[in-house]
Amino acid sequence: MSSLLTLVLLAALFAGCPDPVGAQSGKQVKVVFEFRRSASQNRGAVEGGGRVVITDRGGTRASGVGVDSTQRRTQTSTGIFTLVQDGGESTLLVASQLPYPQIAFYRDYLTGAGYVATGVQFKDVGTSLKVRATILGSNQVRVRLTPTISWYSVDTAGVIEVNEASTELVVPSGRPVVLGGATTETHELTRRILGYRVSESGTETTMTLTATIR
């Protein structure tokens, strides 16, 4: 596991250094990924099981079945962020060690894309996202997201940037943009690394990106 952490830290160190050629100003861009989870729950309650007759001064009053229905909606949000020098890159470490059942997905993806030889068995996998930000005119920011996978097997290890899975978009500074939805479609590998899910058991999760010039 020490070899995997060393590779991840080295990747973060070199990726976090700004590119003096591409930098356009001394400003920074704060890139935030926010996950908003909305859940709704409907509950119906039935009280009483029969008809009750109450005598009052010679008369009767009927009491039937009572029905009560409630709906509850909850919202929670979590977020992660990184600071990027204008024209530079920063690495957002998402997971240093994934649970074993998830390792097979990344092993199969890298093997199928030709990054890793067939038959290599991963022992540990770490995931991160390389974030590149460039300030444009009209208070806009170009953001490029590149999935990065750190893997470790019994015999060797490696850090792979999956460039064909990169996502590039131009966003207004400070304005949230929905990723993986109707506004912007991100690559499956990027969504998997960030843990994005469209819906699950009546629960809707929205992933947004906000790039703010500082």
N, C-alpha and C. Protein backbone atom coordinates (compact mmCIF):
# COMPACT_ATOMS: atom_id res chain seq x y z
N MET A 1 0.83 -1.21 0.00
CA MET A 1 0.00 0.00 0.00
C MET A 1 0.86 1.26 0.00
N SER A 2 2.10 1.17 0.59
CA SER A 2 2.97 2.33 0.64
C SER A 2 3.38 2.78 -0.75
N SER A 3 3.60 1.83 -1.66
CA SER A 3 3.96 2.18 -3.03
C SER A 3 2.85 2.94 -3.72
N LEU A 4 1.58 2.53 -3.48
CA LEU A 4 0.45 3.20 -4.10
C LEU A 4 0.33 4.63 -3.61
N LEU A 5 0.47 4.84 -2.29
CA LEU A 5 0.35 6.18 -1.74
C LEU A 5 1.47 7.07 -2.25
N THR A 6 2.68 6.51 -2.39
CA THR A 6 3.80 7.29 -2.92
C THR A 6 3.52 7.76 -4.33
N LEU A 7 2.98 6.87 -5.17
CA LEU A 7 2.65 7.24 -6.55
C LEU A 7 1.59 8.32 -6.60
N VAL A 8 0.57 8.20 -5.73
CA VAL A 8 -0.50 9.20 -5.71
C VAL A 8 0.02 10.55 -5.30
N LEU A 9 0.88 10.58 -4.26
CA LEU A 9 1.42 11.85 -3.77
C LEU A 9 2.34 12.49 -4.79
N LEU A 10 3.15 11.67 -5.48
CA LEU A 10 4.01 12.23 -6.52
C LEU A 10 3.21 12.80 -7.66
N ALA A 11 2.14 12.11 -8.05
CA ALA A 11 1.29 12.61 -9.12
C ALA A 11 0.66 13.93 -8.72
N ALA A 12 0.21 14.03 -7.47
CA ALA A 12 -0.42 15.27 -7.00
C ALA A 12 0.59 16.41 -6.95
N LEU A 13 1.85 16.08 -6.55
CA LEU A 13 2.88 17.12 -6.45
C LEU A 13 3.20 17.73 -7.80
N PHE A 14 3.45 16.87 -8.80
CA PHE A 14 3.81 17.38 -10.12
C PHE A 14 2.63 18.00 -10.84
N ALA A 15 1.44 17.43 -10.67
CA ALA A 15 0.27 17.97 -11.35
C ALA A 15 -0.16 19.29 -10.78
N GLY A 16 0.16 19.53 -9.51
CA GLY A 16 -0.28 20.76 -8.87
C GLY A 16 0.57 21.96 -9.23
N CYS A 17 1.71 21.75 -9.88
CA CYS A 17 2.58 22.87 -10.25
C CYS A 17 2.00 23.59 -11.45
N PRO A 18 1.89 24.92 -11.40
CA PRO A 18 1.34 25.65 -12.54
C PRO A 18 2.28 25.61 -13.73
N ASP A 19 1.71 25.66 -14.90
CA ASP A 19 2.46 25.67 -16.14
C ASP A 19 2.79 27.11 -16.49
N PRO A 20 4.09 27.51 -16.43
CA PRO A 20 4.44 28.91 -16.68
C PRO A 20 4.13 29.35 -18.10
N VAL A 21 4.11 28.40 -19.04
CA VAL A 21 3.84 28.78 -20.43
C VAL A 21 2.35 29.07 -20.62
N GLY A 22 1.48 28.21 -20.02
CA GLY A 22 0.05 28.36 -20.23
C GLY A 22 -0.61 29.36 -19.31
N ALA A 23 0.04 29.73 -18.22
CA ALA A 23 -0.57 30.65 -17.26
C ALA A 23 -0.79 32.01 -17.91
N GLN A 24 -1.96 32.58 -17.66
CA GLN A 24 -2.30 33.87 -18.26
C GLN A 24 -2.30 35.00 -17.25
N SER A 25 -2.38 34.69 -15.96
CA SER A 25 -2.42 35.72 -14.94
C SER A 25 -1.98 35.10 -13.63
N GLY A 26 -1.92 35.93 -12.59
CA GLY A 26 -1.56 35.41 -11.27
C GLY A 26 -2.76 34.98 -10.47
N LYS A 27 -3.93 34.91 -11.11
CA LYS A 27 -5.15 34.56 -10.38
C LYS A 27 -5.28 33.05 -10.22
N GLN A 28 -6.18 32.69 -9.30
CA GLN A 28 -6.50 31.28 -9.07
C GLN A 28 -7.97 31.03 -9.37
N VAL A 29 -8.28 29.76 -9.61
CA VAL A 29 -9.65 29.35 -9.84
C VAL A 29 -10.01 28.27 -8.81
N LYS A 30 -11.08 28.49 -8.09
CA LYS A 30 -11.57 27.49 -7.15
C LYS A 30 -12.62 26.63 -7.86
N VAL A 31 -12.32 25.34 -8.00
CA VAL A 31 -13.22 24.41 -8.69
C VAL A 31 -13.88 23.52 -7.63
N VAL A 32 -15.20 23.59 -7.55
CA VAL A 32 -15.96 22.86 -6.54
C VAL A 32 -16.87 21.84 -7.21
N PHE A 33 -16.85 20.61 -6.72
CA PHE A 33 -17.82 19.59 -7.11
C PHE A 33 -18.78 19.40 -5.95
N GLU A 34 -20.07 19.60 -6.22
CA GLU A 34 -21.08 19.48 -5.16
C GLU A 34 -22.09 18.41 -5.54
N PHE A 35 -22.44 17.59 -4.56
CA PHE A 35 -23.40 16.51 -4.77
C PHE A 35 -24.63 16.80 -3.92
N ARG A 36 -25.76 17.01 -4.58
CA ARG A 36 -27.01 17.30 -3.89
C ARG A 36 -27.93 16.10 -4.00
N ARG A 37 -28.36 15.60 -2.86
CA ARG A 37 -29.17 14.40 -2.80
C ARG A 37 -30.55 14.74 -2.29
N SER A 38 -31.57 14.46 -3.11
CA SER A 38 -32.96 14.74 -2.75
C SER A 38 -33.71 13.41 -2.66
N ALA A 39 -34.44 13.24 -1.56
CA ALA A 39 -35.21 12.02 -1.35
C ALA A 39 -36.61 12.39 -0.89
N SER A 40 -37.59 11.68 -1.39
CA SER A 40 -38.98 11.90 -0.98
C SER A 40 -39.56 10.60 -0.47
N GLN A 41 -40.39 10.72 0.54
CA GLN A 41 -41.01 9.55 1.15
C GLN A 41 -42.48 9.82 1.39
N ASN A 42 -43.33 8.96 0.88
CA ASN A 42 -44.76 9.06 1.09
C ASN A 42 -45.19 8.02 2.13
N ARG A 43 -46.05 8.45 3.04
CA ARG A 43 -46.52 7.53 4.06
C ARG A 43 -48.01 7.74 4.28
N GLY A 44 -48.78 6.67 4.21
CA GLY A 44 -50.21 6.72 4.48
C GLY A 44 -50.54 5.92 5.71
N ALA A 45 -51.36 6.46 6.57
CA ALA A 45 -51.73 5.78 7.79
C ALA A 45 -53.25 5.68 7.87
N VAL A 46 -53.75 4.53 8.27
CA VAL A 46 -55.18 4.30 8.43
C VAL A 46 -55.45 4.04 9.90
N GLU A 47 -56.33 4.82 10.48
CA GLU A 47 -56.66 4.68 11.88
C GLU A 47 -58.09 4.17 12.03
N GLY A 48 -58.27 3.20 12.90
CA GLY A 48 -59.60 2.66 13.14
C GLY A 48 -59.92 1.53 12.18
N GLY A 49 -60.76 0.62 12.62
CA GLY A 49 -61.05 -0.50 11.76
C GLY A 49 -62.54 -0.76 11.59
N GLY A 50 -63.40 0.06 12.16
CA GLY A 50 -64.84 -0.20 12.06
C GLY A 50 -65.64 1.06 12.25
N ARG A 51 -66.91 0.89 12.54
CA ARG A 51 -67.82 2.01 12.69
C ARG A 51 -68.27 2.08 14.15
N VAL A 52 -68.15 3.26 14.73
CA VAL A 52 -68.50 3.45 16.15
C VAL A 52 -69.74 4.33 16.22
N VAL A 53 -70.73 3.90 17.00
CA VAL A 53 -71.96 4.66 17.19
C VAL A 53 -72.00 5.17 18.62
N ILE A 54 -72.11 6.48 18.77
CA ILE A 54 -72.12 7.10 20.08
C ILE A 54 -73.50 7.70 20.33
N THR A 55 -74.11 7.37 21.47
CA THR A 55 -75.42 7.90 21.82
C THR A 55 -75.26 9.17 22.62
N ASP A 56 -75.91 10.23 22.16
CA ASP A 56 -75.82 11.51 22.84
C ASP A 56 -77.22 12.13 22.90
N ARG A 57 -77.79 12.11 24.12
CA ARG A 57 -79.14 12.68 24.33
C ARG A 57 -80.15 12.08 23.36
N GLY A 58 -80.07 10.78 23.25
CA GLY A 58 -81.06 10.10 22.43
C GLY A 58 -80.72 10.02 20.97
N GLY A 59 -79.67 10.67 20.54
CA GLY A 59 -79.29 10.61 19.12
C GLY A 59 -78.05 9.75 18.93
N THR A 60 -77.60 9.66 17.71
CA THR A 60 -76.41 8.88 17.39
C THR A 60 -75.46 9.73 16.55
N ARG A 61 -74.19 9.44 16.71
CA ARG A 61 -73.17 10.12 15.88
C ARG A 61 -72.20 9.05 15.41
N ALA A 62 -71.99 8.95 14.12
CA ALA A 62 -71.14 7.90 13.55
C ALA A 62 -69.71 8.38 13.42
N SER A 63 -68.79 7.52 13.77
CA SER A 63 -67.36 7.79 13.60
C SER A 63 -66.77 6.69 12.74
N GLY A 64 -66.32 7.03 11.53
CA GLY A 64 -65.82 6.02 10.60
C GLY A 64 -64.31 5.89 10.65
N VAL A 65 -63.75 5.47 9.51
CA VAL A 65 -62.32 5.23 9.42
C VAL A 65 -61.59 6.53 9.09
N GLY A 66 -60.49 6.82 9.78
CA GLY A 66 -59.71 8.02 9.52
C GLY A 66 -58.45 7.69 8.74
N VAL A 67 -58.10 8.52 7.77
CA VAL A 67 -56.93 8.29 6.93
C VAL A 67 -56.01 9.49 7.03
N ASP A 68 -54.73 9.23 7.24
CA ASP A 68 -53.73 10.29 7.36
C ASP A 68 -52.60 10.00 6.39
N SER A 69 -52.24 10.95 5.54
CA SER A 69 -51.18 10.76 4.56
C SER A 69 -50.16 11.88 4.70
N THR A 70 -48.89 11.53 4.72
CA THR A 70 -47.83 12.52 4.84
C THR A 70 -46.78 12.29 3.77
N GLN A 71 -46.11 13.36 3.38
CA GLN A 71 -45.01 13.28 2.42
C GLN A 71 -43.82 14.06 2.98
N ARG A 72 -42.68 13.41 3.01
CA ARG A 72 -41.50 14.04 3.54
C ARG A 72 -40.42 14.10 2.47
N ARG A 73 -39.76 15.25 2.34
CA ARG A 73 -38.70 15.42 1.34
C ARG A 73 -37.46 15.96 2.04
N THR A 74 -36.35 15.29 1.87
CA THR A 74 -35.11 15.70 2.51
C THR A 74 -34.06 16.02 1.45
N GLN A 75 -33.17 16.95 1.77
CA GLN A 75 -32.10 17.34 0.87
C GLN A 75 -30.79 17.42 1.65
N THR A 76 -29.76 16.80 1.13
CA THR A 76 -28.43 16.88 1.72
C THR A 76 -27.43 17.20 0.62
N SER A 77 -26.33 17.81 1.01
CA SER A 77 -25.32 18.15 0.01
C SER A 77 -23.93 17.98 0.61
N THR A 78 -23.00 17.51 -0.20
CA THR A 78 -21.60 17.39 0.17
C THR A 78 -20.77 17.91 -0.99
N GLY A 79 -19.55 18.31 -0.72
CA GLY A 79 -18.73 18.87 -1.78
C GLY A 79 -17.24 18.67 -1.54
N ILE A 80 -16.48 18.70 -2.62
CA ILE A 80 -15.02 18.68 -2.58
C ILE A 80 -14.53 19.76 -3.53
N PHE A 81 -13.34 20.31 -3.26
CA PHE A 81 -12.86 21.39 -4.12
C PHE A 81 -11.34 21.35 -4.21
N THR A 82 -10.83 22.09 -5.19
CA THR A 82 -9.39 22.26 -5.36
C THR A 82 -9.13 23.66 -5.91
N LEU A 83 -7.96 24.19 -5.64
CA LEU A 83 -7.55 25.49 -6.17
C LEU A 83 -6.56 25.27 -7.31
N VAL A 84 -6.79 25.96 -8.42
CA VAL A 84 -5.95 25.79 -9.60
C VAL A 84 -5.41 27.15 -10.04
N GLN A 85 -4.10 27.23 -10.28
CA GLN A 85 -3.53 28.45 -10.83
C GLN A 85 -4.01 28.63 -12.26
N ASP A 86 -4.26 29.86 -12.65
CA ASP A 86 -4.72 30.13 -14.01
C ASP A 86 -3.74 29.55 -15.02
N GLY A 87 -4.25 28.65 -15.89
CA GLY A 87 -3.41 28.01 -16.88
C GLY A 87 -2.68 26.78 -16.37
N GLY A 88 -2.88 26.43 -15.09
CA GLY A 88 -2.18 25.30 -14.51
C GLY A 88 -3.10 24.13 -14.22
N GLU A 89 -2.59 23.17 -13.48
CA GLU A 89 -3.32 21.96 -13.16
C GLU A 89 -3.23 21.65 -11.67
N SER A 90 -4.21 20.94 -11.18
CA SER A 90 -4.23 20.47 -9.81
C SER A 90 -4.87 19.10 -9.79
N THR A 91 -4.42 18.24 -8.88
CA THR A 91 -4.97 16.89 -8.79
C THR A 91 -5.86 16.79 -7.56
N LEU A 92 -7.09 16.36 -7.80
CA LEU A 92 -8.07 16.18 -6.74
C LEU A 92 -8.12 14.70 -6.38
N LEU A 93 -7.53 14.33 -5.26
CA LEU A 93 -7.51 12.94 -4.84
C LEU A 93 -8.88 12.55 -4.30
N VAL A 94 -9.50 11.57 -4.94
CA VAL A 94 -10.84 11.13 -4.54
C VAL A 94 -10.78 9.95 -3.59
N ALA A 95 -9.96 8.95 -3.91
CA ALA A 95 -9.84 7.77 -3.05
C ALA A 95 -8.43 7.20 -3.16
N SER A 96 -7.77 6.99 -2.03
CA SER A 96 -6.42 6.42 -2.05
C SER A 96 -6.46 4.91 -2.11
N GLN A 97 -7.57 4.31 -1.67
CA GLN A 97 -7.69 2.86 -1.72
C GLN A 97 -9.16 2.50 -1.84
N LEU A 98 -9.51 1.88 -2.96
CA LEU A 98 -10.91 1.52 -3.21
C LEU A 98 -11.25 0.17 -2.60
N PRO A 99 -12.52 -0.06 -2.25
CA PRO A 99 -12.95 -1.39 -1.83
C PRO A 99 -12.71 -2.40 -2.94
N TYR A 100 -12.38 -3.62 -2.56
CA TYR A 100 -12.00 -4.64 -3.54
C TYR A 100 -13.07 -4.87 -4.63
N PRO A 101 -14.39 -4.90 -4.32
CA PRO A 101 -15.37 -5.14 -5.38
C PRO A 101 -15.34 -4.11 -6.51
N GLN A 102 -14.85 -2.87 -6.22
CA GLN A 102 -14.81 -1.83 -7.25
C GLN A 102 -13.55 -1.90 -8.11
N ILE A 103 -12.55 -2.63 -7.64
CA ILE A 103 -11.28 -2.67 -8.36
C ILE A 103 -11.44 -3.30 -9.75
N ALA A 104 -12.31 -4.30 -9.85
CA ALA A 104 -12.49 -5.00 -11.12
C ALA A 104 -12.94 -4.07 -12.24
N PHE A 105 -13.77 -3.07 -11.93
CA PHE A 105 -14.23 -2.14 -12.96
C PHE A 105 -13.06 -1.39 -13.59
N TYR A 106 -12.18 -0.85 -12.76
CA TYR A 106 -11.05 -0.08 -13.27
C TYR A 106 -10.02 -0.98 -13.95
N ARG A 107 -9.81 -2.19 -13.43
CA ARG A 107 -8.89 -3.12 -14.08
C ARG A 107 -9.39 -3.48 -15.48
N ASP A 108 -10.69 -3.78 -15.59
CA ASP A 108 -11.24 -4.16 -16.89
C ASP A 108 -11.21 -2.98 -17.86
N TYR A 109 -11.48 -1.78 -17.35
CA TYR A 109 -11.47 -0.60 -18.23
C TYR A 109 -10.06 -0.35 -18.78
N LEU A 110 -9.04 -0.36 -17.91
CA LEU A 110 -7.67 -0.09 -18.34
C LEU A 110 -7.15 -1.20 -19.24
N THR A 111 -7.54 -2.43 -18.95
CA THR A 111 -7.11 -3.55 -19.80
C THR A 111 -7.75 -3.44 -21.18
N GLY A 112 -9.04 -3.15 -21.24
CA GLY A 112 -9.72 -3.03 -22.51
C GLY A 112 -9.23 -1.86 -23.35
N ALA A 113 -8.78 -0.78 -22.69
CA ALA A 113 -8.27 0.39 -23.41
C ALA A 113 -6.81 0.24 -23.79
N GLY A 114 -6.16 -0.86 -23.37
CA GLY A 114 -4.78 -1.11 -23.75
C GLY A 114 -3.74 -0.48 -22.85
N TYR A 115 -4.15 0.05 -21.70
CA TYR A 115 -3.18 0.66 -20.79
C TYR A 115 -2.42 -0.39 -19.98
N VAL A 116 -3.07 -1.50 -19.71
CA VAL A 116 -2.48 -2.55 -18.87
C VAL A 116 -2.57 -3.88 -19.62
N ALA A 117 -1.52 -4.70 -19.50
CA ALA A 117 -1.50 -6.00 -20.18
C ALA A 117 -2.57 -6.93 -19.60
N THR A 118 -3.12 -7.75 -20.43
CA THR A 118 -4.14 -8.70 -20.00
C THR A 118 -3.56 -9.67 -18.98
N GLY A 119 -4.32 -9.95 -17.95
CA GLY A 119 -3.88 -10.90 -16.93
C GLY A 119 -3.30 -10.26 -15.69
N VAL A 120 -3.02 -8.94 -15.72
CA VAL A 120 -2.49 -8.26 -14.53
C VAL A 120 -3.60 -8.14 -13.49
N GLN A 121 -3.32 -8.58 -12.29
CA GLN A 121 -4.28 -8.53 -11.21
C GLN A 121 -3.97 -7.36 -10.28
N PHE A 122 -4.93 -6.45 -10.15
CA PHE A 122 -4.74 -5.29 -9.29
C PHE A 122 -4.93 -5.69 -7.83
N LYS A 123 -4.04 -5.20 -6.99
CA LYS A 123 -4.18 -5.41 -5.55
C LYS A 123 -4.81 -4.19 -4.89
N ASP A 124 -4.39 -3.01 -5.30
CA ASP A 124 -4.95 -1.75 -4.78
C ASP A 124 -5.14 -0.79 -5.94
N VAL A 125 -6.15 0.07 -5.82
CA VAL A 125 -6.42 1.08 -6.84
C VAL A 125 -6.80 2.39 -6.14
N GLY A 126 -6.22 3.49 -6.62
CA GLY A 126 -6.58 4.81 -6.14
C GLY A 126 -7.07 5.64 -7.31
N THR A 127 -8.02 6.54 -7.06
CA THR A 127 -8.57 7.36 -8.14
C THR A 127 -8.42 8.85 -7.81
N SER A 128 -8.19 9.62 -8.84
CA SER A 128 -8.09 11.07 -8.68
C SER A 128 -8.55 11.73 -9.97
N LEU A 129 -8.69 13.03 -9.92
CA LEU A 129 -9.16 13.79 -11.07
C LEU A 129 -8.21 14.96 -11.28
N LYS A 130 -7.58 15.00 -12.45
CA LYS A 130 -6.71 16.14 -12.77
C LYS A 130 -7.57 17.27 -13.30
N VAL A 131 -7.45 18.42 -12.69
CA VAL A 131 -8.27 19.58 -13.04
C VAL A 131 -7.38 20.67 -13.61
N ARG A 132 -7.66 21.06 -14.84
CA ARG A 132 -6.94 22.17 -15.47
C ARG A 132 -7.92 23.31 -15.70
N ALA A 133 -7.52 24.52 -15.34
CA ALA A 133 -8.41 25.68 -15.45
C ALA A 133 -7.68 26.84 -16.11
N THR A 134 -8.36 27.47 -17.07
CA THR A 134 -7.81 28.62 -17.77
C THR A 134 -8.86 29.73 -17.79
N ILE A 135 -8.48 30.90 -17.33
CA ILE A 135 -9.40 32.04 -17.30
C ILE A 135 -9.52 32.64 -18.71
N LEU A 136 -10.74 32.78 -19.18
CA LEU A 136 -11.02 33.36 -20.49
C LEU A 136 -11.58 34.77 -20.33
N GLY A 137 -11.92 35.37 -21.43
CA GLY A 137 -12.58 36.67 -21.37
C GLY A 137 -14.03 36.54 -20.96
N SER A 138 -14.68 37.69 -20.72
CA SER A 138 -16.10 37.73 -20.35
C SER A 138 -16.39 36.95 -19.07
N ASN A 139 -15.40 36.91 -18.15
CA ASN A 139 -15.58 36.28 -16.84
C ASN A 139 -15.94 34.80 -16.96
N GLN A 140 -15.30 34.10 -17.89
CA GLN A 140 -15.54 32.68 -18.07
C GLN A 140 -14.27 31.88 -17.80
N VAL A 141 -14.46 30.58 -17.53
CA VAL A 141 -13.34 29.70 -17.21
C VAL A 141 -13.47 28.42 -18.04
N ARG A 142 -12.37 28.01 -18.68
CA ARG A 142 -12.33 26.72 -19.34
C ARG A 142 -11.78 25.69 -18.36
N VAL A 143 -12.54 24.64 -18.13
CA VAL A 143 -12.15 23.59 -17.18
C VAL A 143 -12.02 22.27 -17.93
N ARG A 144 -10.91 21.59 -17.71
CA ARG A 144 -10.69 20.27 -18.31
C ARG A 144 -10.49 19.26 -17.19
N LEU A 145 -11.26 18.17 -17.23
CA LEU A 145 -11.21 17.13 -16.21
C LEU A 145 -10.65 15.86 -16.83
N THR A 146 -9.60 15.31 -16.23
CA THR A 146 -8.98 14.09 -16.74
C THR A 146 -8.90 13.06 -15.63
N PRO A 147 -9.57 11.91 -15.79
CA PRO A 147 -9.49 10.85 -14.77
C PRO A 147 -8.08 10.28 -14.68
N THR A 148 -7.61 10.05 -13.46
CA THR A 148 -6.30 9.46 -13.21
C THR A 148 -6.46 8.28 -12.27
N ILE A 149 -5.85 7.16 -12.64
CA ILE A 149 -5.98 5.93 -11.85
C ILE A 149 -4.59 5.46 -11.43
N SER A 150 -4.40 5.27 -10.14
CA SER A 150 -3.16 4.71 -9.59
C SER A 150 -3.41 3.26 -9.23
N TRP A 151 -2.59 2.35 -9.77
CA TRP A 151 -2.82 0.94 -9.50
C TRP A 151 -1.54 0.27 -9.01
N TYR A 152 -1.76 -0.79 -8.25
CA TYR A 152 -0.64 -1.50 -7.64
C TYR A 152 -0.95 -2.98 -7.68
N SER A 153 -0.03 -3.76 -8.23
CA SER A 153 -0.17 -5.21 -8.25
C SER A 153 0.97 -5.82 -7.45
N VAL A 154 1.05 -7.13 -7.47
CA VAL A 154 2.11 -7.80 -6.71
C VAL A 154 3.49 -7.47 -7.27
N ASP A 155 3.59 -7.36 -8.60
CA ASP A 155 4.90 -7.20 -9.25
C ASP A 155 5.23 -5.77 -9.65
N THR A 156 4.25 -4.94 -9.91
CA THR A 156 4.52 -3.61 -10.44
C THR A 156 3.41 -2.64 -10.05
N ALA A 157 3.55 -1.40 -10.47
CA ALA A 157 2.57 -0.36 -10.16
C ALA A 157 2.62 0.69 -11.25
N GLY A 158 1.63 1.57 -11.28
CA GLY A 158 1.60 2.62 -12.29
C GLY A 158 0.56 3.67 -12.01
N VAL A 159 0.72 4.82 -12.63
CA VAL A 159 -0.25 5.92 -12.57
C VAL A 159 -0.63 6.26 -14.00
N ILE A 160 -1.91 6.20 -14.33
CA ILE A 160 -2.37 6.35 -15.71
C ILE A 160 -3.37 7.51 -15.79
N GLU A 161 -3.10 8.43 -16.73
CA GLU A 161 -4.06 9.48 -17.06
C GLU A 161 -4.86 9.01 -18.28
N VAL A 162 -6.17 8.91 -18.11
CA VAL A 162 -7.03 8.42 -19.19
C VAL A 162 -7.49 9.63 -19.99
N ASN A 163 -6.66 10.03 -20.95
CA ASN A 163 -6.91 11.28 -21.68
C ASN A 163 -8.16 11.21 -22.56
N GLU A 164 -8.45 10.02 -23.12
CA GLU A 164 -9.64 9.93 -23.97
C GLU A 164 -10.93 10.06 -23.19
N ALA A 165 -10.85 9.97 -21.86
CA ALA A 165 -12.04 10.13 -21.02
C ALA A 165 -12.14 11.54 -20.45
N SER A 166 -11.29 12.46 -20.94
CA SER A 166 -11.31 13.84 -20.44
C SER A 166 -12.60 14.54 -20.84
N THR A 167 -13.01 15.47 -20.02
CA THR A 167 -14.18 16.31 -20.29
C THR A 167 -13.75 17.77 -20.22
N GLU A 168 -14.07 18.55 -21.24
CA GLU A 168 -13.72 19.98 -21.26
C GLU A 168 -14.98 20.80 -21.44
N LEU A 169 -15.10 21.84 -20.62
CA LEU A 169 -16.27 22.70 -20.71
C LEU A 169 -15.89 24.13 -20.33
N VAL A 170 -16.68 25.08 -20.82
CA VAL A 170 -16.50 26.49 -20.51
C VAL A 170 -17.69 26.93 -19.66
N VAL A 171 -17.38 27.49 -18.48
CA VAL A 171 -18.43 27.84 -17.52
C VAL A 171 -18.26 29.29 -17.08
N PRO A 172 -19.37 29.99 -16.78
CA PRO A 172 -19.27 31.32 -16.20
C PRO A 172 -18.72 31.25 -14.78
N SER A 173 -17.89 32.19 -14.41
CA SER A 173 -17.31 32.19 -13.07
C SER A 173 -18.39 32.30 -12.00
N GLY A 174 -18.35 31.37 -11.03
CA GLY A 174 -19.27 31.41 -9.91
C GLY A 174 -20.64 30.83 -10.17
N ARG A 175 -20.92 30.35 -11.37
CA ARG A 175 -22.25 29.81 -11.69
C ARG A 175 -22.19 28.29 -11.76
N PRO A 176 -22.99 27.58 -10.97
CA PRO A 176 -22.98 26.12 -10.99
C PRO A 176 -23.48 25.57 -12.33
N VAL A 177 -22.82 24.51 -12.80
CA VAL A 177 -23.20 23.84 -14.03
C VAL A 177 -23.42 22.37 -13.70
N VAL A 178 -24.55 21.82 -14.13
CA VAL A 178 -24.87 20.43 -13.84
C VAL A 178 -24.03 19.51 -14.70
N LEU A 179 -23.38 18.54 -14.07
CA LEU A 179 -22.60 17.53 -14.78
C LEU A 179 -23.37 16.22 -14.80
N GLY A 180 -23.30 15.51 -15.91
CA GLY A 180 -23.97 14.23 -16.00
C GLY A 180 -25.46 14.33 -16.20
N GLY A 181 -25.96 15.53 -16.44
CA GLY A 181 -27.39 15.71 -16.64
C GLY A 181 -27.66 16.36 -17.98
N ALA A 182 -28.68 17.21 -18.00
CA ALA A 182 -29.11 17.81 -19.26
C ALA A 182 -28.15 18.90 -19.73
N THR A 183 -27.41 19.52 -18.80
CA THR A 183 -26.56 20.64 -19.19
C THR A 183 -25.25 20.18 -19.81
N THR A 184 -24.54 19.31 -19.11
CA THR A 184 -23.25 18.84 -19.58
C THR A 184 -23.14 17.35 -19.35
N GLU A 185 -22.67 16.62 -20.35
CA GLU A 185 -22.53 15.17 -20.23
C GLU A 185 -21.05 14.84 -20.02
N THR A 186 -20.72 14.20 -18.92
CA THR A 186 -19.35 13.81 -18.63
C THR A 186 -19.13 12.35 -18.98
N HIS A 187 -17.88 12.00 -19.11
CA HIS A 187 -17.53 10.63 -19.47
C HIS A 187 -17.89 9.68 -18.32
N GLU A 188 -18.20 8.43 -18.68
CA GLU A 188 -18.59 7.44 -17.68
C GLU A 188 -17.52 7.25 -16.62
N LEU A 189 -16.24 7.25 -17.02
CA LEU A 189 -15.17 7.04 -16.06
C LEU A 189 -15.08 8.19 -15.06
N THR A 190 -15.29 9.42 -15.54
CA THR A 190 -15.29 10.57 -14.64
C THR A 190 -16.44 10.48 -13.65
N ARG A 191 -17.61 10.10 -14.14
CA ARG A 191 -18.76 9.97 -13.24
C ARG A 191 -18.53 8.87 -12.22
N ARG A 192 -17.89 7.79 -12.64
CA ARG A 192 -17.63 6.67 -11.74
C ARG A 192 -16.65 7.08 -10.64
N ILE A 193 -15.61 7.82 -11.01
CA ILE A 193 -14.62 8.26 -10.03
C ILE A 193 -15.26 9.19 -9.00
N LEU A 194 -16.14 10.08 -9.46
CA LEU A 194 -16.79 11.01 -8.55
C LEU A 194 -17.97 10.39 -7.81
N GLY A 195 -18.35 9.17 -8.19
CA GLY A 195 -19.44 8.49 -7.48
C GLY A 195 -20.81 9.02 -7.84
N TYR A 196 -20.98 9.47 -9.08
CA TYR A 196 -22.25 10.05 -9.51
C TYR A 196 -23.25 8.98 -9.87
N ARG A 197 -24.50 9.12 -9.37
CA ARG A 197 -25.60 8.24 -9.72
C ARG A 197 -26.83 9.09 -10.03
N VAL A 198 -27.52 8.70 -11.09
CA VAL A 198 -28.69 9.48 -11.49
C VAL A 198 -29.82 9.32 -10.48
N SER A 199 -30.17 8.10 -10.15
CA SER A 199 -31.25 7.87 -9.20
C SER A 199 -31.08 6.52 -8.56
N GLU A 200 -31.60 6.40 -7.37
CA GLU A 200 -31.49 5.13 -6.65
C GLU A 200 -32.61 5.08 -5.61
N SER A 201 -33.57 4.17 -5.84
CA SER A 201 -34.65 3.91 -4.88
C SER A 201 -35.38 5.20 -4.49
N GLY A 202 -35.81 5.95 -5.48
CA GLY A 202 -36.55 7.17 -5.20
C GLY A 202 -35.68 8.34 -4.79
N THR A 203 -34.36 8.17 -4.87
CA THR A 203 -33.43 9.22 -4.49
C THR A 203 -32.76 9.78 -5.75
N GLU A 204 -32.73 11.10 -5.86
CA GLU A 204 -32.11 11.74 -7.02
C GLU A 204 -30.87 12.49 -6.57
N THR A 205 -29.76 12.26 -7.27
CA THR A 205 -28.49 12.92 -6.95
C THR A 205 -28.07 13.79 -8.14
N THR A 206 -27.76 15.04 -7.85
CA THR A 206 -27.31 15.97 -8.88
C THR A 206 -25.87 16.38 -8.58
N MET A 207 -25.01 16.28 -9.59
CA MET A 207 -23.62 16.67 -9.43
C MET A 207 -23.38 17.97 -10.20
N THR A 208 -22.86 18.98 -9.52
CA THR A 208 -22.62 20.27 -10.17
C THR A 208 -21.16 20.67 -10.01
N LEU A 209 -20.70 21.43 -10.97
CA LEU A 209 -19.35 21.99 -10.93
C LEU A 209 -19.45 23.51 -10.92
N THR A 210 -18.69 24.14 -10.04
CA THR A 210 -18.65 25.60 -9.98
C THR A 210 -17.18 26.05 -10.00
N ALA A 211 -16.82 26.84 -10.99
CA ALA A 211 -15.46 27.38 -11.09
C ALA A 211 -15.53 28.88 -10.83
N THR A 212 -14.82 29.33 -9.81
CA THR A 212 -14.88 30.73 -9.39
C THR A 212 -13.51 31.36 -9.45
N ILE A 213 -13.40 32.45 -10.16
CA ILE A 213 -12.12 33.19 -10.25
C ILE A 213 -11.89 33.91 -8.93
N ARG A 214 -10.67 33.74 -8.38
CA ARG A 214 -10.35 34.37 -7.10
C ARG A 214 -9.31 35.45 -7.27
